[in-house]
Every structure is written in C-alpha cells, then in structure tokens.
Amino acid sequence: MSLTDITQRIRHAEAAAGRAPGAVHLIAVSKVQPNERVEAVLDAGHRCFGENRVQEAAGKWPQFRDTFDNIDLHLIGPLQTNKARQAMELFQAIHSVDRPKLANTLARLAQDIGTCPDLFVQVNTGEEDQKAGVMPADTDAFVQTCRDLDLPLRGLMCIPPVDEEASLHFALLAKLAKRNGLDQLSMGMSADFETAIALGATHVRVGSAIFGERVKPA
C-alpha cells in the first residue's frame, strides 16, 4: 500500500457515499515511524499528520517544519494536562479532549497564548474501562461544558473496540455529533476507513497502510 493508493481509495469512498471530492482529510499517522519514512511522505506532497505523544512529536516535527511548509499536525493520543501548553503550541488540532480538567486547562491556556488548536471530544463509544473518552451518555453535557469555556470545538472522535463491528460505533458518533451541531467526525483507521467515510467521517487516521509496520523504539 502507498500514500497514492490510500488517497485513491478515499476518493472512491467519497464518491460511493455521495460526498464531495476532498470532503475527507487523511491524517497520516506517523507515530513511532522513522524520520526517513515520514520525510518520504512529506516529499510526496502530503502535509497532514497525526501523532500520539507530545514528547515524540516535539522531537520530530520542528525540524521538518524548517524544511516543509504548511504542515498540519494533529494530536490523536491522550493528553496530560501538564503537556497541554506544549501541545497547543505544536499541534493544529487535538482529537482527545475527554475530561473537564483538560477542558479547563485548555481554556486557561488559550487565554494566555491567545490561540487554541481545533478541538475534538473523544467519545468512548464502546464504554471500555481501559480506554479514554467521554461516555456516550455524558457527551452532550461535556460538549456544552466545552462551549461554555469558549473552546473551538469542531467535532467528535472515537476508536471502536477491536472485537466489535466498527460501523455501529461510527453511526453512534455521527448521531451524537449531529445532535450537538458538530460537523466534523474523526473516525476510521487503516482497516475500516472506507466504512467510516460512508458514515460521515471527515478525518480518517491511517498509519501502517501508508508507512509500513511501526518500528518499535529500542
């Protein structure tokens, strides 16, 4: 698989779903990938990338930004409040807002810094104990909390359970977003992004299908 292959599949999925060309943003998930692989995707013209950890991104992306313009960096992993300022200065979007303490921290820092990345609320659609995210039943109230803090909330994000039909979770996320007047949906990964697009995804997160298998740190 390659960046070109994935892009073509996204365009075909958009067309099949009656979506406008370019309606779906491809986030190339570059976590735990060697710099040479990331640079090859940058050389191919792609500019939207996703990272799971603030520390890893901070060690990788400033140097790429010295060479490549218009990089659009998304945090798709959990965010600790003590890393929030660094994340806000590094990322253009944060997909993992999942608790009031973090929302309050982001709101305070937004006042200090004067800007704030686009934000997505992470919803734990499978209600899994080991997974981060707001429970579906609490989503409406948490969205309102973020709005009361004047945060730039753009949409919702989910990671379905590995052993369940992903489409059920994508449909639930879309329903929650529509009910709350949110039009961006971060959902779908390498194995199921076409299903996510059919159900309204605006951002899909694809890593290994573009870069190859992740290289674990020594």
N, C-alpha and C. Protein backbone atom coordinates (compact mmCIF):
# COMPACT_ATOMS: atom_id res chain seq x y z
N MET A 1 0.86 -1.19 0.00
CA MET A 1 0.00 0.00 0.00
C MET A 1 0.89 1.24 0.00
N SER A 2 0.38 2.36 -0.44
CA SER A 2 1.14 3.59 -0.51
C SER A 2 0.21 4.76 -0.27
N LEU A 3 0.80 5.95 -0.13
CA LEU A 3 0.01 7.17 0.02
C LEU A 3 -0.94 7.34 -1.15
N THR A 4 -0.46 7.10 -2.36
CA THR A 4 -1.30 7.24 -3.56
C THR A 4 -2.47 6.27 -3.52
N ASP A 5 -2.20 5.02 -3.14
CA ASP A 5 -3.28 4.02 -3.06
C ASP A 5 -4.34 4.44 -2.06
N ILE A 6 -3.91 4.87 -0.88
CA ILE A 6 -4.87 5.27 0.17
C ILE A 6 -5.67 6.48 -0.28
N THR A 7 -5.01 7.43 -0.89
CA THR A 7 -5.71 8.63 -1.37
C THR A 7 -6.76 8.25 -2.41
N GLN A 8 -6.42 7.37 -3.32
CA GLN A 8 -7.39 6.93 -4.33
C GLN A 8 -8.57 6.21 -3.69
N ARG A 9 -8.31 5.38 -2.69
CA ARG A 9 -9.39 4.68 -2.01
C ARG A 9 -10.31 5.66 -1.28
N ILE A 10 -9.72 6.70 -0.71
CA ILE A 10 -10.55 7.72 -0.06
C ILE A 10 -11.43 8.42 -1.07
N ARG A 11 -10.87 8.80 -2.21
CA ARG A 11 -11.67 9.47 -3.25
C ARG A 11 -12.79 8.57 -3.74
N HIS A 12 -12.52 7.28 -3.93
CA HIS A 12 -13.55 6.35 -4.37
C HIS A 12 -14.65 6.21 -3.31
N ALA A 13 -14.23 6.15 -2.03
CA ALA A 13 -15.21 6.02 -0.94
C ALA A 13 -16.07 7.28 -0.85
N GLU A 14 -15.46 8.45 -1.04
CA GLU A 14 -16.24 9.69 -1.05
C GLU A 14 -17.30 9.64 -2.15
N ALA A 15 -16.87 9.24 -3.35
CA ALA A 15 -17.81 9.19 -4.47
C ALA A 15 -18.94 8.20 -4.22
N ALA A 16 -18.58 7.03 -3.68
CA ALA A 16 -19.59 6.00 -3.41
C ALA A 16 -20.61 6.45 -2.38
N ALA A 17 -20.18 7.32 -1.46
CA ALA A 17 -21.07 7.81 -0.41
C ALA A 17 -21.78 9.11 -0.80
N GLY A 18 -21.53 9.57 -2.03
CA GLY A 18 -22.14 10.82 -2.46
C GLY A 18 -21.53 12.04 -1.81
N ARG A 19 -20.30 11.90 -1.32
CA ARG A 19 -19.59 13.01 -0.67
C ARG A 19 -18.82 13.81 -1.72
N ALA A 20 -18.58 15.07 -1.44
CA ALA A 20 -17.81 15.91 -2.35
C ALA A 20 -16.34 15.47 -2.36
N PRO A 21 -15.67 15.54 -3.49
CA PRO A 21 -14.24 15.23 -3.54
C PRO A 21 -13.47 16.13 -2.58
N GLY A 22 -12.61 15.54 -1.77
CA GLY A 22 -11.86 16.31 -0.80
C GLY A 22 -12.58 16.57 0.51
N ALA A 23 -13.76 15.96 0.69
CA ALA A 23 -14.51 16.16 1.93
C ALA A 23 -13.83 15.50 3.12
N VAL A 24 -13.00 14.50 2.84
CA VAL A 24 -12.36 13.72 3.90
C VAL A 24 -10.87 14.05 3.94
N HIS A 25 -10.39 14.36 5.13
CA HIS A 25 -8.97 14.67 5.34
C HIS A 25 -8.24 13.40 5.79
N LEU A 26 -7.14 13.11 5.13
CA LEU A 26 -6.31 11.97 5.50
C LEU A 26 -5.25 12.41 6.50
N ILE A 27 -5.34 11.87 7.72
CA ILE A 27 -4.31 12.10 8.73
C ILE A 27 -3.34 10.92 8.65
N ALA A 28 -2.14 11.17 8.18
CA ALA A 28 -1.12 10.12 8.10
C ALA A 28 -0.50 9.95 9.48
N VAL A 29 -0.76 8.81 10.11
CA VAL A 29 -0.35 8.60 11.50
C VAL A 29 1.12 8.18 11.52
N SER A 30 1.96 9.11 11.95
CA SER A 30 3.40 8.93 11.84
C SER A 30 4.06 8.53 13.15
N LYS A 31 3.26 8.19 14.15
CA LYS A 31 3.84 7.80 15.45
C LYS A 31 4.75 6.58 15.28
N VAL A 32 5.86 6.61 15.98
CA VAL A 32 6.84 5.51 16.01
C VAL A 32 7.26 5.11 14.60
N GLN A 33 7.37 6.09 13.72
CA GLN A 33 7.87 5.83 12.37
C GLN A 33 9.22 6.53 12.21
N PRO A 34 10.16 5.87 11.54
CA PRO A 34 11.46 6.52 11.31
C PRO A 34 11.31 7.80 10.50
N ASN A 35 12.18 8.75 10.77
CA ASN A 35 12.09 10.04 10.10
C ASN A 35 12.16 9.92 8.59
N GLU A 36 12.92 8.95 8.09
CA GLU A 36 13.05 8.84 6.64
C GLU A 36 11.73 8.45 5.98
N ARG A 37 10.93 7.64 6.67
CA ARG A 37 9.61 7.29 6.13
C ARG A 37 8.69 8.51 6.12
N VAL A 38 8.74 9.27 7.20
CA VAL A 38 7.90 10.47 7.28
C VAL A 38 8.33 11.47 6.20
N GLU A 39 9.62 11.63 6.04
CA GLU A 39 10.12 12.58 5.04
C GLU A 39 9.70 12.17 3.63
N ALA A 40 9.66 10.87 3.37
CA ALA A 40 9.23 10.41 2.05
C ALA A 40 7.78 10.80 1.77
N VAL A 41 6.93 10.73 2.79
CA VAL A 41 5.52 11.12 2.61
C VAL A 41 5.42 12.64 2.46
N LEU A 42 6.23 13.38 3.18
CA LEU A 42 6.28 14.83 3.00
C LEU A 42 6.76 15.19 1.59
N ASP A 43 7.78 14.49 1.11
CA ASP A 43 8.28 14.73 -0.24
C ASP A 43 7.21 14.45 -1.29
N ALA A 44 6.29 13.52 -0.99
CA ALA A 44 5.21 13.20 -1.92
C ALA A 44 4.12 14.27 -1.92
N GLY A 45 4.23 15.24 -1.03
CA GLY A 45 3.30 16.36 -1.02
C GLY A 45 2.26 16.34 0.07
N HIS A 46 2.24 15.28 0.90
CA HIS A 46 1.23 15.22 1.97
C HIS A 46 1.68 16.11 3.13
N ARG A 47 0.70 16.73 3.79
CA ARG A 47 1.04 17.68 4.85
C ARG A 47 0.27 17.45 6.16
N CYS A 48 -0.69 16.56 6.21
CA CYS A 48 -1.50 16.35 7.41
C CYS A 48 -1.07 15.07 8.11
N PHE A 49 -0.59 15.19 9.34
CA PHE A 49 -0.03 14.05 10.07
C PHE A 49 -0.60 13.97 11.48
N GLY A 50 -0.57 12.76 12.04
CA GLY A 50 -1.06 12.53 13.39
C GLY A 50 -0.01 11.90 14.27
N GLU A 51 0.07 12.36 15.49
CA GLU A 51 0.99 11.81 16.49
C GLU A 51 0.23 11.47 17.76
N ASN A 52 0.72 10.46 18.47
CA ASN A 52 0.07 10.03 19.71
C ASN A 52 0.63 10.68 20.96
N ARG A 53 1.91 11.05 20.90
CA ARG A 53 2.56 11.56 22.11
C ARG A 53 3.19 12.92 21.84
N VAL A 54 2.97 13.83 22.77
CA VAL A 54 3.51 15.18 22.63
C VAL A 54 5.03 15.14 22.57
N GLN A 55 5.65 14.35 23.44
CA GLN A 55 7.11 14.33 23.51
C GLN A 55 7.73 13.84 22.21
N GLU A 56 7.16 12.79 21.64
CA GLU A 56 7.69 12.28 20.37
C GLU A 56 7.53 13.31 19.27
N ALA A 57 6.36 13.95 19.22
CA ALA A 57 6.13 14.96 18.18
C ALA A 57 7.09 16.14 18.32
N ALA A 58 7.36 16.54 19.57
CA ALA A 58 8.24 17.68 19.81
C ALA A 58 9.67 17.39 19.35
N GLY A 59 10.05 16.11 19.37
CA GLY A 59 11.38 15.75 18.93
C GLY A 59 11.50 15.53 17.44
N LYS A 60 10.40 15.56 16.74
CA LYS A 60 10.37 15.22 15.32
C LYS A 60 9.98 16.38 14.42
N TRP A 61 8.92 17.10 14.78
CA TRP A 61 8.29 18.00 13.82
C TRP A 61 8.92 19.38 13.67
N PRO A 62 9.53 19.97 14.70
CA PRO A 62 10.17 21.27 14.47
C PRO A 62 11.19 21.24 13.34
N GLN A 63 11.97 20.16 13.25
CA GLN A 63 12.97 20.10 12.18
C GLN A 63 12.31 19.94 10.81
N PHE A 64 11.21 19.17 10.76
CA PHE A 64 10.51 19.05 9.49
C PHE A 64 9.91 20.40 9.07
N ARG A 65 9.44 21.16 10.04
CA ARG A 65 8.84 22.47 9.71
C ARG A 65 9.89 23.47 9.22
N ASP A 66 11.15 23.21 9.54
CA ASP A 66 12.21 24.06 9.00
C ASP A 66 12.39 23.84 7.51
N THR A 67 11.94 22.68 7.02
CA THR A 67 12.15 22.30 5.62
C THR A 67 10.87 22.34 4.80
N PHE A 68 9.75 21.98 5.42
CA PHE A 68 8.48 21.85 4.70
C PHE A 68 7.46 22.86 5.23
N ASP A 69 6.74 23.51 4.32
CA ASP A 69 5.73 24.49 4.70
C ASP A 69 4.37 23.82 4.92
N ASN A 70 3.52 24.51 5.67
CA ASN A 70 2.09 24.17 5.77
C ASN A 70 1.82 22.79 6.37
N ILE A 71 2.66 22.35 7.29
CA ILE A 71 2.40 21.09 7.98
C ILE A 71 1.23 21.26 8.94
N ASP A 72 0.29 20.33 8.86
CA ASP A 72 -0.92 20.34 9.68
C ASP A 72 -0.84 19.14 10.63
N LEU A 73 -0.51 19.41 11.89
CA LEU A 73 -0.21 18.33 12.84
C LEU A 73 -1.36 18.14 13.83
N HIS A 74 -1.79 16.88 13.98
CA HIS A 74 -2.93 16.54 14.83
C HIS A 74 -2.48 15.61 15.96
N LEU A 75 -2.86 15.93 17.18
CA LEU A 75 -2.64 15.03 18.31
C LEU A 75 -3.83 14.09 18.41
N ILE A 76 -3.57 12.79 18.25
CA ILE A 76 -4.66 11.82 18.26
C ILE A 76 -4.58 10.89 19.47
N GLY A 77 -3.56 11.07 20.31
CA GLY A 77 -3.42 10.26 21.51
C GLY A 77 -3.80 11.06 22.74
N PRO A 78 -3.77 10.42 23.91
CA PRO A 78 -4.18 11.08 25.15
C PRO A 78 -3.28 12.25 25.50
N LEU A 79 -3.86 13.25 26.14
CA LEU A 79 -3.12 14.46 26.52
C LEU A 79 -3.17 14.66 28.02
N GLN A 80 -1.99 14.69 28.64
CA GLN A 80 -1.89 15.01 30.05
C GLN A 80 -1.93 16.52 30.21
N THR A 81 -2.54 16.98 31.29
CA THR A 81 -2.69 18.43 31.46
C THR A 81 -1.32 19.12 31.56
N ASN A 82 -0.32 18.44 32.10
CA ASN A 82 0.99 19.09 32.21
C ASN A 82 1.72 19.21 30.87
N LYS A 83 1.18 18.59 29.83
CA LYS A 83 1.74 18.71 28.48
C LYS A 83 0.84 19.58 27.59
N ALA A 84 -0.19 20.17 28.17
CA ALA A 84 -1.19 20.88 27.35
C ALA A 84 -0.61 22.10 26.66
N ARG A 85 0.18 22.90 27.36
CA ARG A 85 0.75 24.10 26.73
C ARG A 85 1.63 23.71 25.54
N GLN A 86 2.50 22.73 25.75
CA GLN A 86 3.37 22.29 24.67
C GLN A 86 2.56 21.78 23.49
N ALA A 87 1.49 21.04 23.79
CA ALA A 87 0.63 20.52 22.72
C ALA A 87 -0.04 21.64 21.95
N MET A 88 -0.51 22.65 22.66
CA MET A 88 -1.21 23.75 22.00
C MET A 88 -0.28 24.54 21.09
N GLU A 89 0.99 24.58 21.43
CA GLU A 89 1.95 25.32 20.61
C GLU A 89 2.46 24.51 19.43
N LEU A 90 2.27 23.19 19.48
CA LEU A 90 2.83 22.30 18.47
C LEU A 90 1.80 21.81 17.46
N PHE A 91 0.57 21.59 17.92
CA PHE A 91 -0.46 20.94 17.09
C PHE A 91 -1.49 21.96 16.59
N GLN A 92 -2.03 21.66 15.40
CA GLN A 92 -3.12 22.47 14.86
C GLN A 92 -4.49 21.92 15.27
N ALA A 93 -4.53 20.67 15.73
CA ALA A 93 -5.78 20.07 16.21
C ALA A 93 -5.47 19.04 17.28
N ILE A 94 -6.36 18.93 18.25
CA ILE A 94 -6.26 17.94 19.32
C ILE A 94 -7.55 17.14 19.31
N HIS A 95 -7.42 15.82 19.12
CA HIS A 95 -8.59 14.97 18.94
C HIS A 95 -9.01 14.24 20.22
N SER A 96 -8.35 14.52 21.34
CA SER A 96 -8.53 13.68 22.52
C SER A 96 -8.95 14.46 23.77
N VAL A 97 -9.80 15.46 23.59
CA VAL A 97 -10.35 16.17 24.75
C VAL A 97 -11.40 15.28 25.39
N ASP A 98 -11.19 14.91 26.65
CA ASP A 98 -12.01 13.83 27.21
C ASP A 98 -12.41 14.01 28.67
N ARG A 99 -12.10 15.19 29.27
CA ARG A 99 -12.46 15.35 30.68
C ARG A 99 -12.46 16.83 31.03
N PRO A 100 -13.26 17.20 32.02
CA PRO A 100 -13.39 18.62 32.38
C PRO A 100 -12.07 19.27 32.78
N LYS A 101 -11.22 18.56 33.50
CA LYS A 101 -9.94 19.15 33.93
C LYS A 101 -9.12 19.58 32.72
N LEU A 102 -9.08 18.73 31.70
CA LEU A 102 -8.33 19.08 30.49
C LEU A 102 -8.99 20.25 29.77
N ALA A 103 -10.30 20.24 29.67
CA ALA A 103 -11.01 21.34 29.01
C ALA A 103 -10.73 22.67 29.71
N ASN A 104 -10.74 22.66 31.03
CA ASN A 104 -10.47 23.89 31.77
C ASN A 104 -9.03 24.35 31.58
N THR A 105 -8.10 23.41 31.54
CA THR A 105 -6.70 23.75 31.31
C THR A 105 -6.51 24.37 29.92
N LEU A 106 -7.13 23.76 28.91
CA LEU A 106 -7.03 24.29 27.55
C LEU A 106 -7.63 25.69 27.46
N ALA A 107 -8.75 25.91 28.14
CA ALA A 107 -9.39 27.22 28.11
C ALA A 107 -8.50 28.28 28.76
N ARG A 108 -7.89 27.92 29.88
CA ARG A 108 -7.00 28.87 30.56
C ARG A 108 -5.78 29.20 29.69
N LEU A 109 -5.19 28.17 29.09
CA LEU A 109 -4.01 28.39 28.25
C LEU A 109 -4.36 29.16 26.99
N ALA A 110 -5.56 28.93 26.46
CA ALA A 110 -5.98 29.67 25.27
C ALA A 110 -6.02 31.17 25.56
N GLN A 111 -6.44 31.52 26.78
CA GLN A 111 -6.44 32.93 27.17
C GLN A 111 -5.02 33.46 27.27
N ASP A 112 -4.11 32.65 27.82
CA ASP A 112 -2.72 33.08 27.98
C ASP A 112 -2.01 33.22 26.63
N ILE A 113 -2.22 32.21 25.77
CA ILE A 113 -1.48 32.15 24.50
C ILE A 113 -2.13 33.03 23.44
N GLY A 114 -3.45 33.12 23.50
CA GLY A 114 -4.18 33.92 22.53
C GLY A 114 -4.73 33.14 21.35
N THR A 115 -4.40 31.86 21.29
CA THR A 115 -4.91 30.99 20.23
C THR A 115 -5.18 29.61 20.82
N CYS A 116 -5.91 28.79 20.06
CA CYS A 116 -6.18 27.42 20.51
C CYS A 116 -6.33 26.54 19.27
N PRO A 117 -5.76 25.33 19.30
CA PRO A 117 -5.98 24.41 18.18
C PRO A 117 -7.46 24.05 18.06
N ASP A 118 -7.84 23.54 16.90
CA ASP A 118 -9.16 22.95 16.75
C ASP A 118 -9.27 21.74 17.68
N LEU A 119 -10.42 21.56 18.29
CA LEU A 119 -10.58 20.51 19.30
C LEU A 119 -11.68 19.53 18.92
N PHE A 120 -11.44 18.27 19.25
CA PHE A 120 -12.42 17.20 19.10
C PHE A 120 -12.60 16.54 20.47
N VAL A 121 -13.84 16.23 20.81
CA VAL A 121 -14.12 15.45 22.01
C VAL A 121 -13.98 13.96 21.67
N GLN A 122 -13.18 13.26 22.45
CA GLN A 122 -13.06 11.81 22.27
C GLN A 122 -14.20 11.13 23.02
N VAL A 123 -14.96 10.31 22.30
CA VAL A 123 -16.09 9.58 22.88
C VAL A 123 -15.74 8.10 22.97
N ASN A 124 -15.91 7.53 24.13
CA ASN A 124 -15.65 6.10 24.36
C ASN A 124 -16.92 5.33 23.96
N THR A 125 -17.11 5.17 22.67
CA THR A 125 -18.37 4.60 22.17
C THR A 125 -18.59 3.17 22.63
N GLY A 126 -17.50 2.44 22.91
CA GLY A 126 -17.63 1.06 23.38
C GLY A 126 -17.72 0.96 24.89
N GLU A 127 -17.65 2.11 25.58
CA GLU A 127 -17.71 2.14 27.05
C GLU A 127 -16.71 1.15 27.65
N GLU A 128 -15.49 1.21 27.13
CA GLU A 128 -14.43 0.30 27.57
C GLU A 128 -13.68 0.91 28.75
N ASP A 129 -13.50 0.11 29.80
CA ASP A 129 -12.86 0.61 31.02
C ASP A 129 -11.43 1.08 30.77
N GLN A 130 -10.72 0.41 29.86
CA GLN A 130 -9.30 0.70 29.66
C GLN A 130 -9.06 1.83 28.67
N LYS A 131 -10.12 2.37 28.10
CA LYS A 131 -9.97 3.36 27.03
C LYS A 131 -10.44 4.73 27.49
N ALA A 132 -9.72 5.76 27.04
CA ALA A 132 -10.09 7.13 27.36
C ALA A 132 -11.34 7.52 26.58
N GLY A 133 -11.92 8.63 26.98
CA GLY A 133 -13.07 9.16 26.25
C GLY A 133 -14.28 9.37 27.13
N VAL A 134 -15.10 10.30 26.74
CA VAL A 134 -16.36 10.58 27.41
C VAL A 134 -17.36 9.48 27.07
N MET A 135 -18.13 9.04 28.04
CA MET A 135 -19.15 8.04 27.76
C MET A 135 -20.25 8.66 26.87
N PRO A 136 -20.86 7.86 26.01
CA PRO A 136 -21.89 8.41 25.12
C PRO A 136 -22.98 9.19 25.86
N ALA A 137 -23.41 8.67 27.00
CA ALA A 137 -24.48 9.33 27.74
C ALA A 137 -24.05 10.68 28.31
N ASP A 138 -22.74 10.90 28.44
CA ASP A 138 -22.23 12.15 29.01
C ASP A 138 -21.77 13.13 27.94
N THR A 139 -21.86 12.75 26.68
CA THR A 139 -21.29 13.57 25.61
C THR A 139 -21.97 14.92 25.49
N ASP A 140 -23.29 14.95 25.50
CA ASP A 140 -24.00 16.23 25.34
C ASP A 140 -23.57 17.23 26.40
N ALA A 141 -23.50 16.79 27.65
CA ALA A 141 -23.15 17.68 28.75
C ALA A 141 -21.71 18.16 28.61
N PHE A 142 -20.81 17.27 28.19
CA PHE A 142 -19.40 17.67 28.07
C PHE A 142 -19.20 18.63 26.89
N VAL A 143 -19.91 18.39 25.80
CA VAL A 143 -19.85 19.34 24.69
C VAL A 143 -20.29 20.73 25.16
N GLN A 144 -21.34 20.79 25.95
CA GLN A 144 -21.81 22.07 26.45
C GLN A 144 -20.77 22.70 27.38
N THR A 145 -20.10 21.89 28.19
CA THR A 145 -19.03 22.40 29.05
C THR A 145 -17.95 23.07 28.21
N CYS A 146 -17.54 22.41 27.13
CA CYS A 146 -16.51 22.98 26.25
C CYS A 146 -16.98 24.28 25.61
N ARG A 147 -18.23 24.32 25.22
CA ARG A 147 -18.78 25.54 24.62
C ARG A 147 -18.87 26.67 25.64
N ASP A 148 -19.23 26.34 26.86
CA ASP A 148 -19.30 27.35 27.91
C ASP A 148 -17.93 27.96 28.18
N LEU A 149 -16.87 27.19 27.90
CA LEU A 149 -15.50 27.67 28.08
C LEU A 149 -14.97 28.39 26.83
N ASP A 150 -15.83 28.53 25.82
CA ASP A 150 -15.45 29.19 24.55
C ASP A 150 -14.32 28.48 23.83
N LEU A 151 -14.25 27.18 23.98
CA LEU A 151 -13.25 26.40 23.27
C LEU A 151 -13.69 26.18 21.82
N PRO A 152 -12.74 26.13 20.89
CA PRO A 152 -13.08 25.93 19.47
C PRO A 152 -13.35 24.46 19.17
N LEU A 153 -14.49 24.00 19.61
CA LEU A 153 -14.85 22.59 19.44
C LEU A 153 -15.38 22.37 18.02
N ARG A 154 -14.74 21.44 17.30
CA ARG A 154 -15.09 21.20 15.90
C ARG A 154 -15.85 19.90 15.67
N GLY A 155 -15.59 18.89 16.51
CA GLY A 155 -16.23 17.61 16.23
C GLY A 155 -15.97 16.59 17.31
N LEU A 156 -16.23 15.34 16.96
CA LEU A 156 -16.07 14.21 17.87
C LEU A 156 -15.10 13.19 17.27
N MET A 157 -14.48 12.40 18.13
CA MET A 157 -13.55 11.35 17.71
C MET A 157 -13.86 10.07 18.46
N CYS A 158 -13.67 8.92 17.80
CA CYS A 158 -13.80 7.64 18.51
C CYS A 158 -12.81 6.63 17.96
N ILE A 159 -12.54 5.62 18.81
CA ILE A 159 -11.75 4.45 18.43
C ILE A 159 -12.59 3.24 18.82
N PRO A 160 -13.24 2.58 17.87
CA PRO A 160 -14.13 1.47 18.21
C PRO A 160 -13.38 0.30 18.85
N PRO A 161 -14.07 -0.52 19.64
CA PRO A 161 -13.45 -1.74 20.17
C PRO A 161 -13.00 -2.64 19.03
N VAL A 162 -11.87 -3.32 19.24
CA VAL A 162 -11.30 -4.13 18.15
C VAL A 162 -12.17 -5.34 17.81
N ASP A 163 -12.99 -5.78 18.74
CA ASP A 163 -13.75 -7.02 18.52
C ASP A 163 -15.23 -6.76 18.22
N GLU A 164 -15.56 -5.52 17.85
CA GLU A 164 -16.95 -5.19 17.53
C GLU A 164 -17.04 -4.56 16.15
N GLU A 165 -18.23 -4.61 15.58
CA GLU A 165 -18.45 -4.03 14.26
C GLU A 165 -18.28 -2.52 14.31
N ALA A 166 -17.27 -2.03 13.60
CA ALA A 166 -16.92 -0.61 13.68
C ALA A 166 -18.07 0.28 13.23
N SER A 167 -18.86 -0.17 12.26
CA SER A 167 -19.91 0.69 11.72
C SER A 167 -20.91 1.12 12.77
N LEU A 168 -21.17 0.27 13.75
CA LEU A 168 -22.11 0.62 14.82
C LEU A 168 -21.59 1.81 15.62
N HIS A 169 -20.29 1.84 15.84
CA HIS A 169 -19.68 2.92 16.62
C HIS A 169 -19.58 4.19 15.80
N PHE A 170 -19.29 4.05 14.51
CA PHE A 170 -19.25 5.22 13.64
C PHE A 170 -20.64 5.87 13.54
N ALA A 171 -21.67 5.03 13.44
CA ALA A 171 -23.04 5.56 13.35
C ALA A 171 -23.43 6.27 14.64
N LEU A 172 -23.02 5.71 15.78
CA LEU A 172 -23.31 6.35 17.06
C LEU A 172 -22.61 7.70 17.16
N LEU A 173 -21.34 7.75 16.76
CA LEU A 173 -20.60 9.01 16.83
C LEU A 173 -21.26 10.06 15.94
N ALA A 174 -21.67 9.65 14.74
CA ALA A 174 -22.33 10.58 13.82
C ALA A 174 -23.63 11.11 14.42
N LYS A 175 -24.38 10.24 15.08
CA LYS A 175 -25.64 10.65 15.72
C LYS A 175 -25.38 11.67 16.83
N LEU A 176 -24.37 11.41 17.65
CA LEU A 176 -24.04 12.33 18.74
C LEU A 176 -23.58 13.68 18.19
N ALA A 177 -22.79 13.65 17.12
CA ALA A 177 -22.31 14.90 16.54
C ALA A 177 -23.46 15.71 15.97
N LYS A 178 -24.33 15.06 15.24
CA LYS A 178 -25.47 15.78 14.64
C LYS A 178 -26.34 16.40 15.72
N ARG A 179 -26.58 15.65 16.79
CA ARG A 179 -27.42 16.15 17.87
C ARG A 179 -26.83 17.39 18.52
N ASN A 180 -25.51 17.50 18.48
CA ASN A 180 -24.83 18.63 19.11
C ASN A 180 -24.38 19.69 18.11
N GLY A 181 -24.82 19.57 16.86
CA GLY A 181 -24.48 20.58 15.87
C GLY A 181 -23.02 20.62 15.49
N LEU A 182 -22.36 19.47 15.55
CA LEU A 182 -20.95 19.38 15.18
C LEU A 182 -20.83 18.67 13.84
N ASP A 183 -20.00 19.19 12.95
CA ASP A 183 -19.97 18.64 11.60
C ASP A 183 -18.67 17.93 11.24
N GLN A 184 -17.78 17.73 12.21
CA GLN A 184 -16.54 17.03 11.91
C GLN A 184 -16.46 15.75 12.74
N LEU A 185 -16.08 14.67 12.06
CA LEU A 185 -16.01 13.35 12.68
C LEU A 185 -14.64 12.72 12.40
N SER A 186 -13.88 12.51 13.46
CA SER A 186 -12.57 11.86 13.36
C SER A 186 -12.77 10.38 13.69
N MET A 187 -12.84 9.56 12.64
CA MET A 187 -13.10 8.14 12.86
C MET A 187 -12.67 7.36 11.62
N GLY A 188 -12.23 6.13 11.86
CA GLY A 188 -11.77 5.29 10.78
C GLY A 188 -10.26 5.22 10.73
N MET A 189 -9.73 3.98 10.67
CA MET A 189 -8.30 3.75 10.59
C MET A 189 -8.01 2.83 9.40
N SER A 190 -6.82 2.29 9.35
CA SER A 190 -6.38 1.55 8.15
C SER A 190 -7.37 0.48 7.72
N ALA A 191 -7.95 -0.24 8.67
CA ALA A 191 -8.79 -1.39 8.33
C ALA A 191 -10.24 -1.04 8.02
N ASP A 192 -10.67 0.18 8.38
CA ASP A 192 -12.10 0.46 8.28
C ASP A 192 -12.43 1.88 7.82
N PHE A 193 -11.45 2.59 7.23
CA PHE A 193 -11.71 4.00 6.92
C PHE A 193 -12.78 4.18 5.84
N GLU A 194 -12.91 3.22 4.94
CA GLU A 194 -13.94 3.36 3.91
C GLU A 194 -15.35 3.26 4.52
N THR A 195 -15.51 2.39 5.51
CA THR A 195 -16.78 2.31 6.23
C THR A 195 -17.05 3.62 6.96
N ALA A 196 -16.02 4.18 7.58
CA ALA A 196 -16.17 5.44 8.29
C ALA A 196 -16.58 6.57 7.35
N ILE A 197 -16.01 6.59 6.16
CA ILE A 197 -16.36 7.63 5.19
C ILE A 197 -17.83 7.50 4.78
N ALA A 198 -18.28 6.27 4.59
CA ALA A 198 -19.68 6.05 4.23
C ALA A 198 -20.63 6.57 5.30
N LEU A 199 -20.14 6.62 6.55
CA LEU A 199 -20.98 7.04 7.67
C LEU A 199 -20.68 8.47 8.12
N GLY A 200 -19.89 9.20 7.32
CA GLY A 200 -19.75 10.62 7.57
C GLY A 200 -18.41 11.12 8.06
N ALA A 201 -17.40 10.28 8.12
CA ALA A 201 -16.09 10.72 8.61
C ALA A 201 -15.59 11.92 7.80
N THR A 202 -15.02 12.88 8.50
CA THR A 202 -14.33 14.00 7.84
C THR A 202 -12.82 13.89 7.99
N HIS A 203 -12.37 13.10 8.96
CA HIS A 203 -10.95 12.86 9.18
C HIS A 203 -10.74 11.37 9.41
N VAL A 204 -9.88 10.74 8.63
CA VAL A 204 -9.54 9.34 8.83
C VAL A 204 -8.06 9.25 9.19
N ARG A 205 -7.72 8.31 10.06
CA ARG A 205 -6.39 8.21 10.63
C ARG A 205 -5.74 6.91 10.13
N VAL A 206 -4.80 7.03 9.22
CA VAL A 206 -4.21 5.87 8.57
C VAL A 206 -2.70 5.91 8.77
N GLY A 207 -2.15 4.83 9.34
CA GLY A 207 -0.72 4.79 9.59
C GLY A 207 0.01 3.72 8.83
N SER A 208 -0.12 2.47 9.29
CA SER A 208 0.69 1.38 8.73
C SER A 208 0.43 1.16 7.25
N ALA A 209 -0.78 1.43 6.78
CA ALA A 209 -1.08 1.24 5.36
C ALA A 209 -0.31 2.22 4.48
N ILE A 210 0.15 3.32 5.08
CA ILE A 210 0.95 4.30 4.34
C ILE A 210 2.43 4.08 4.58
N PHE A 211 2.82 3.94 5.85
CA PHE A 211 4.23 3.92 6.21
C PHE A 211 4.84 2.53 6.31
N GLY A 212 4.00 1.50 6.41
CA GLY A 212 4.50 0.19 6.74
C GLY A 212 4.38 -0.04 8.24
N GLU A 213 4.71 -1.23 8.68
CA GLU A 213 4.58 -1.55 10.10
C GLU A 213 5.45 -0.62 10.95
N ARG A 214 4.91 -0.28 12.12
CA ARG A 214 5.63 0.62 13.00
C ARG A 214 6.94 -0.01 13.49
N VAL A 215 7.91 0.86 13.70
CA VAL A 215 9.19 0.44 14.23
C VAL A 215 9.20 0.76 15.72
N LYS A 216 9.23 -0.27 16.55
CA LYS A 216 9.19 -0.06 17.99
C LYS A 216 10.53 0.50 18.45
N PRO A 217 10.48 1.48 19.38
CA PRO A 217 11.74 2.01 19.90
C PRO A 217 12.51 0.95 20.67
N ALA A 218 13.81 1.04 20.61
CA ALA A 218 14.66 0.04 21.29
C ALA A 218 14.56 0.17 22.80
